[in-house]
Amino acid sequence: MPRLFVAIDLPETTKNQVLALRQDDLPPGRWARRAALHLTLHFIGDVPEAVARAYGRALRQVEVPAFELLIGGVGQFPIEQRPRVIWAGVRNTPPLRELYEAVGVALESEGFIRERRRFHPHITLMHFKKPLRRGLASRWLQAHLDFQCVPFPVEQFVLYESVLKPSGAEYSKRGVYDLAGQVD
């Protein structure tokens, strides 16, 4: 069964800016590889092949204008507890929320059930096998609070298939969907 998610790809220049955050002053963990840097809109999970094809067809119905995306700031999940994930933030603008909602509605038309938690757009930078002791990442987080990438145009989104391997997840594109218009 394919394991799917819908995401926005990052341009190479943005990936370079995000990867520049890698530093040795964090406890050992697994930094995200260049190929894994993306903004997840909806995680779908494991589905039968017929359902995967139906989701792919449904996503063709999404009609949202292209827009600009801004990545800035850093944080951790869980937010108030011992972190397992370090991330770069994404400005949750009305156009991004519109795309998130439109993709969700398209998937729901084929039976997808959305997560109930609030959409918190981010780019995962690092995973820790075990939660860190409180405060271990705080110096790094404080040092990078003002991090920002140059805004970039979002003119498409992608349906990805993910294969989990000991070396990390490997992603392949099952479908690429253009947004309406171009960003000036």
Foldseek 3Di string as FASTA:
>chain_A
DWFKFKWFDDDPQVLVLLVVLDDDQAPDFDFDDSQQWTKTLAGQTDDDPVLVVQLQVLVQPQAAAKDKKKWAAKAAPVGPAQGFWIWIFIPCDPSNVSSSVSSVVSSVVSPGDGDPDDDGITTTTTGHPDGHHPPSCVVSRVVRRGRIDDIDMGFKMFMWTWDQDPVGIDIDTPDIHGYPDTDD
